């Protein structure tokens, strides 16, 4: 059982990488270089590219902003992190 804060950070980082891939494709930049991947991690470029095809750039940006807002609201006591994270995930799983 992982702490909920660690789950939020892991999800944020993963979707941030998908967003970076989308931007790299849009502006024709090197994905491996922008993701700071090591030479033995080049297989991840294909995995991230395939996953990013399921999202639009604007969707990913909005999702990242929701994670940032959720983090802020949970730290200021405005919302429970568990409930907020479940709400965000449910919104994007439908």
N, C-alpha and C. Protein backbone atom coordinates (compact mmCIF):
# COMPACT_ATOMS: atom_id res chain seq x y z
N UNK A 1 0.84 -1.18 0.00
CA UNK A 1 0.00 0.00 0.00
C UNK A 1 0.88 1.24 0.00
N UNK A 2 0.84 1.95 -1.11
CA UNK A 2 1.66 3.15 -1.27
C UNK A 2 0.95 4.36 -0.68
N UNK A 3 1.71 5.33 -0.16
CA UNK A 3 1.08 6.58 0.30
C UNK A 3 0.42 7.31 -0.87
N UNK A 4 -0.71 7.92 -0.61
CA UNK A 4 -1.48 8.58 -1.66
C UNK A 4 -0.69 9.71 -2.32
N UNK A 5 0.16 10.39 -1.55
CA UNK A 5 0.97 11.48 -2.12
C UNK A 5 1.94 10.92 -3.16
N UNK A 6 2.50 9.75 -2.89
CA UNK A 6 3.42 9.12 -3.84
C UNK A 6 2.69 8.72 -5.12
N UNK A 7 1.46 8.26 -4.98
CA UNK A 7 0.65 7.89 -6.15
C UNK A 7 0.38 9.12 -7.01
N UNK A 8 0.04 10.22 -6.35
CA UNK A 8 -0.21 11.48 -7.08
C UNK A 8 1.03 11.91 -7.85
N UNK A 9 2.17 11.87 -7.20
CA UNK A 9 3.43 12.28 -7.84
C UNK A 9 3.76 11.36 -9.02
N UNK A 10 3.56 10.06 -8.84
CA UNK A 10 3.84 9.10 -9.90
C UNK A 10 2.95 9.35 -11.11
N UNK A 11 1.66 9.56 -10.86
CA UNK A 11 0.73 9.85 -11.96
C UNK A 11 1.09 11.16 -12.65
N UNK A 12 1.38 12.18 -11.86
CA UNK A 12 1.75 13.47 -12.43
C UNK A 12 2.97 13.34 -13.35
N UNK A 13 3.99 12.65 -12.86
CA UNK A 13 5.22 12.49 -13.65
C UNK A 13 4.97 11.71 -14.94
N UNK A 14 4.12 10.70 -14.85
CA UNK A 14 3.85 9.90 -16.04
C UNK A 14 3.10 10.73 -17.10
N UNK A 15 2.07 11.44 -16.67
CA UNK A 15 1.31 12.24 -17.63
C UNK A 15 2.13 13.43 -18.13
N UNK A 16 3.06 13.91 -17.33
CA UNK A 16 3.96 14.97 -17.79
C UNK A 16 4.83 14.45 -18.93
N UNK A 17 5.29 13.22 -18.83
CA UNK A 17 6.09 12.63 -19.90
C UNK A 17 5.27 12.47 -21.18
N UNK A 18 4.01 12.06 -21.01
CA UNK A 18 3.14 11.95 -22.19
C UNK A 18 2.93 13.31 -22.84
N UNK A 19 2.79 14.34 -22.02
CA UNK A 19 2.61 15.70 -22.54
C UNK A 19 3.87 16.16 -23.27
N UNK A 20 5.02 15.85 -22.73
CA UNK A 20 6.29 16.21 -23.38
C UNK A 20 6.40 15.51 -24.73
N UNK A 21 5.99 14.25 -24.78
CA UNK A 21 6.02 13.52 -26.05
C UNK A 21 5.12 14.21 -27.08
N UNK A 22 3.92 14.61 -26.66
CA UNK A 22 3.00 15.31 -27.56
C UNK A 22 3.64 16.59 -28.10
N UNK A 23 4.27 17.35 -27.21
CA UNK A 23 4.90 18.60 -27.63
C UNK A 23 6.08 18.34 -28.56
N UNK A 24 6.85 17.30 -28.28
CA UNK A 24 7.99 16.95 -29.15
C UNK A 24 7.51 16.57 -30.55
N UNK A 25 6.41 15.83 -30.61
CA UNK A 25 5.87 15.46 -31.91
C UNK A 25 5.37 16.70 -32.65
N UNK A 26 4.73 17.59 -31.94
CA UNK A 26 4.17 18.80 -32.54
C UNK A 26 5.27 19.71 -33.10
N UNK A 27 6.34 19.88 -32.32
CA UNK A 27 7.41 20.80 -32.73
C UNK A 27 8.61 20.08 -33.34
N UNK A 28 8.45 18.76 -33.60
CA UNK A 28 9.48 17.95 -34.25
C UNK A 28 10.82 18.02 -33.52
N UNK A 29 10.76 17.77 -32.22
CA UNK A 29 11.97 17.72 -31.38
C UNK A 29 12.28 16.28 -31.03
N UNK A 30 13.49 16.04 -30.56
CA UNK A 30 13.92 14.70 -30.18
C UNK A 30 13.29 14.30 -28.84
N UNK A 31 12.48 13.26 -28.86
CA UNK A 31 11.76 12.81 -27.66
C UNK A 31 12.73 12.30 -26.60
N UNK A 32 13.68 11.47 -27.02
CA UNK A 32 14.63 10.88 -26.06
C UNK A 32 15.40 11.97 -25.32
N UNK A 33 15.82 12.96 -26.02
CA UNK A 33 16.59 14.05 -25.41
C UNK A 33 15.72 14.86 -24.43
N UNK A 34 14.50 15.16 -24.83
CA UNK A 34 13.62 15.97 -24.00
C UNK A 34 13.10 15.22 -22.77
N UNK A 35 13.04 13.91 -22.84
CA UNK A 35 12.65 13.12 -21.67
C UNK A 35 13.84 12.77 -20.78
N UNK A 36 15.03 13.18 -21.20
CA UNK A 36 16.27 12.88 -20.47
C UNK A 36 16.44 11.38 -20.22
N UNK A 37 16.25 10.60 -21.27
CA UNK A 37 16.39 9.15 -21.17
C UNK A 37 17.83 8.73 -21.38
N UNK A 38 18.21 7.70 -20.66
CA UNK A 38 19.55 7.13 -20.83
C UNK A 38 19.54 6.25 -22.08
N UNK A 39 20.73 5.93 -22.62
CA UNK A 39 20.77 5.11 -23.84
C UNK A 39 20.06 3.76 -23.71
N UNK A 40 20.06 3.17 -22.51
CA UNK A 40 19.41 1.87 -22.34
C UNK A 40 17.90 2.01 -22.09
N UNK A 41 17.37 3.25 -22.14
CA UNK A 41 15.94 3.47 -21.93
C UNK A 41 15.22 3.91 -23.20
N UNK A 42 15.86 3.76 -24.33
CA UNK A 42 15.26 4.25 -25.58
C UNK A 42 13.96 3.51 -25.92
N UNK A 43 13.77 2.30 -25.41
CA UNK A 43 12.53 1.57 -25.67
C UNK A 43 11.32 2.31 -25.10
N UNK A 44 11.54 3.17 -24.12
CA UNK A 44 10.45 3.93 -23.51
C UNK A 44 9.84 4.95 -24.47
N UNK A 45 10.62 5.41 -25.43
CA UNK A 45 10.12 6.40 -26.39
C UNK A 45 8.90 5.82 -27.11
N UNK A 46 9.01 4.60 -27.57
CA UNK A 46 7.90 3.96 -28.28
C UNK A 46 6.70 3.77 -27.36
N UNK A 47 6.94 3.36 -26.12
CA UNK A 47 5.84 3.15 -25.17
C UNK A 47 5.11 4.45 -24.87
N UNK A 48 5.86 5.51 -24.61
CA UNK A 48 5.24 6.80 -24.32
C UNK A 48 4.51 7.35 -25.54
N UNK A 49 5.08 7.14 -26.71
CA UNK A 49 4.44 7.62 -27.95
C UNK A 49 3.11 6.91 -28.16
N UNK A 50 3.08 5.60 -27.95
CA UNK A 50 1.84 4.85 -28.12
C UNK A 50 0.79 5.31 -27.11
N UNK A 51 1.19 5.52 -25.86
CA UNK A 51 0.24 5.95 -24.84
C UNK A 51 -0.27 7.36 -25.10
N UNK A 52 0.59 8.22 -25.59
CA UNK A 52 0.20 9.61 -25.81
C UNK A 52 -0.83 9.75 -26.93
N UNK A 53 -0.93 8.76 -27.80
CA UNK A 53 -1.90 8.82 -28.89
C UNK A 53 -3.35 8.76 -28.38
N UNK A 54 -3.54 8.30 -27.16
CA UNK A 54 -4.89 8.20 -26.59
C UNK A 54 -5.38 9.54 -26.03
N UNK A 55 -4.52 10.55 -26.02
CA UNK A 55 -4.86 11.85 -25.44
C UNK A 55 -4.59 12.97 -26.43
N UNK A 56 -5.35 14.04 -26.29
CA UNK A 56 -5.06 15.27 -27.02
C UNK A 56 -4.14 16.11 -26.15
N UNK A 57 -3.40 16.99 -26.78
CA UNK A 57 -2.46 17.85 -26.05
C UNK A 57 -3.19 18.66 -24.97
N UNK A 58 -4.34 19.22 -25.33
CA UNK A 58 -5.10 20.04 -24.38
C UNK A 58 -5.60 19.21 -23.20
N UNK A 59 -5.98 17.96 -23.45
CA UNK A 59 -6.43 17.08 -22.36
C UNK A 59 -5.31 16.83 -21.37
N UNK A 60 -4.13 16.55 -21.89
CA UNK A 60 -2.99 16.29 -21.01
C UNK A 60 -2.63 17.53 -20.19
N UNK A 61 -2.66 18.68 -20.83
CA UNK A 61 -2.35 19.93 -20.12
C UNK A 61 -3.37 20.18 -19.02
N UNK A 62 -4.65 19.95 -19.32
CA UNK A 62 -5.71 20.14 -18.33
C UNK A 62 -5.55 19.16 -17.17
N UNK A 63 -5.22 17.91 -17.47
CA UNK A 63 -5.02 16.90 -16.44
C UNK A 63 -3.85 17.27 -15.53
N UNK A 64 -2.76 17.73 -16.11
CA UNK A 64 -1.61 18.15 -15.30
C UNK A 64 -1.99 19.32 -14.39
N UNK A 65 -2.77 20.25 -14.92
CA UNK A 65 -3.21 21.39 -14.11
C UNK A 65 -4.12 20.93 -12.97
N UNK A 66 -4.96 19.94 -13.24
CA UNK A 66 -5.83 19.41 -12.19
C UNK A 66 -5.01 18.73 -11.09
N UNK A 67 -3.95 18.02 -11.47
CA UNK A 67 -3.07 17.42 -10.46
C UNK A 67 -2.40 18.50 -9.61
N UNK A 68 -1.96 19.57 -10.24
CA UNK A 68 -1.31 20.67 -9.51
C UNK A 68 -2.32 21.32 -8.56
N UNK A 69 -3.53 21.59 -9.05
CA UNK A 69 -4.56 22.20 -8.21
C UNK A 69 -4.93 21.28 -7.05
N UNK A 70 -5.04 19.99 -7.33
CA UNK A 70 -5.37 19.02 -6.28
C UNK A 70 -4.30 19.01 -5.20
N UNK A 71 -3.04 19.03 -5.60
CA UNK A 71 -1.94 19.05 -4.65
C UNK A 71 -2.03 20.29 -3.76
N UNK A 72 -2.28 21.44 -4.37
CA UNK A 72 -2.39 22.69 -3.62
C UNK A 72 -3.57 22.65 -2.65
N UNK A 73 -4.73 22.21 -3.15
CA UNK A 73 -5.94 22.18 -2.32
C UNK A 73 -5.80 21.19 -1.16
N UNK A 74 -5.14 20.07 -1.41
CA UNK A 74 -4.98 19.09 -0.33
C UNK A 74 -4.02 19.60 0.74
N UNK A 75 -2.99 20.32 0.32
CA UNK A 75 -2.03 20.85 1.29
C UNK A 75 -2.61 22.03 2.08
N UNK A 76 -3.56 22.75 1.48
CA UNK A 76 -4.18 23.86 2.20
C UNK A 76 -5.41 23.40 2.99
N UNK A 77 -5.75 22.12 2.89
CA UNK A 77 -6.85 21.56 3.67
C UNK A 77 -8.21 21.75 3.04
N UNK A 78 -8.28 22.18 1.80
CA UNK A 78 -9.57 22.42 1.14
C UNK A 78 -10.24 21.12 0.67
N UNK A 79 -9.45 20.07 0.45
CA UNK A 79 -10.01 18.81 -0.05
C UNK A 79 -9.14 17.66 0.45
N UNK A 80 -9.78 16.51 0.64
CA UNK A 80 -9.05 15.30 1.00
C UNK A 80 -8.36 14.76 -0.25
N UNK A 81 -7.09 14.43 -0.13
CA UNK A 81 -6.31 13.99 -1.30
C UNK A 81 -6.88 12.72 -1.92
N UNK A 82 -7.32 11.77 -1.09
CA UNK A 82 -7.91 10.53 -1.61
C UNK A 82 -9.13 10.81 -2.47
N UNK A 83 -10.04 11.60 -1.94
CA UNK A 83 -11.28 11.92 -2.66
C UNK A 83 -10.97 12.70 -3.93
N UNK A 84 -10.08 13.67 -3.84
CA UNK A 84 -9.74 14.48 -5.00
C UNK A 84 -9.09 13.68 -6.10
N UNK A 85 -8.18 12.80 -5.74
CA UNK A 85 -7.49 11.98 -6.74
C UNK A 85 -8.47 11.02 -7.42
N UNK A 86 -9.35 10.42 -6.63
CA UNK A 86 -10.36 9.53 -7.21
C UNK A 86 -11.27 10.29 -8.16
N UNK A 87 -11.64 11.53 -7.80
CA UNK A 87 -12.51 12.34 -8.65
C UNK A 87 -11.83 12.66 -9.99
N UNK A 88 -10.56 13.04 -9.92
CA UNK A 88 -9.82 13.36 -11.16
C UNK A 88 -9.70 12.12 -12.04
N UNK A 89 -9.36 11.00 -11.44
CA UNK A 89 -9.19 9.77 -12.23
C UNK A 89 -10.52 9.31 -12.84
N UNK A 90 -11.60 9.43 -12.08
CA UNK A 90 -12.90 9.04 -12.61
C UNK A 90 -13.32 9.91 -13.78
N UNK A 91 -12.97 11.19 -13.72
CA UNK A 91 -13.31 12.11 -14.80
C UNK A 91 -12.63 11.70 -16.11
N UNK A 92 -11.42 11.18 -16.03
CA UNK A 92 -10.67 10.85 -17.24
C UNK A 92 -10.76 9.39 -17.63
N UNK A 93 -11.39 8.57 -16.80
CA UNK A 93 -11.54 7.15 -17.14
C UNK A 93 -12.83 6.88 -17.89
N UNK A 94 -13.74 7.84 -17.91
CA UNK A 94 -15.02 7.61 -18.56
C UNK A 94 -14.98 7.91 -20.04
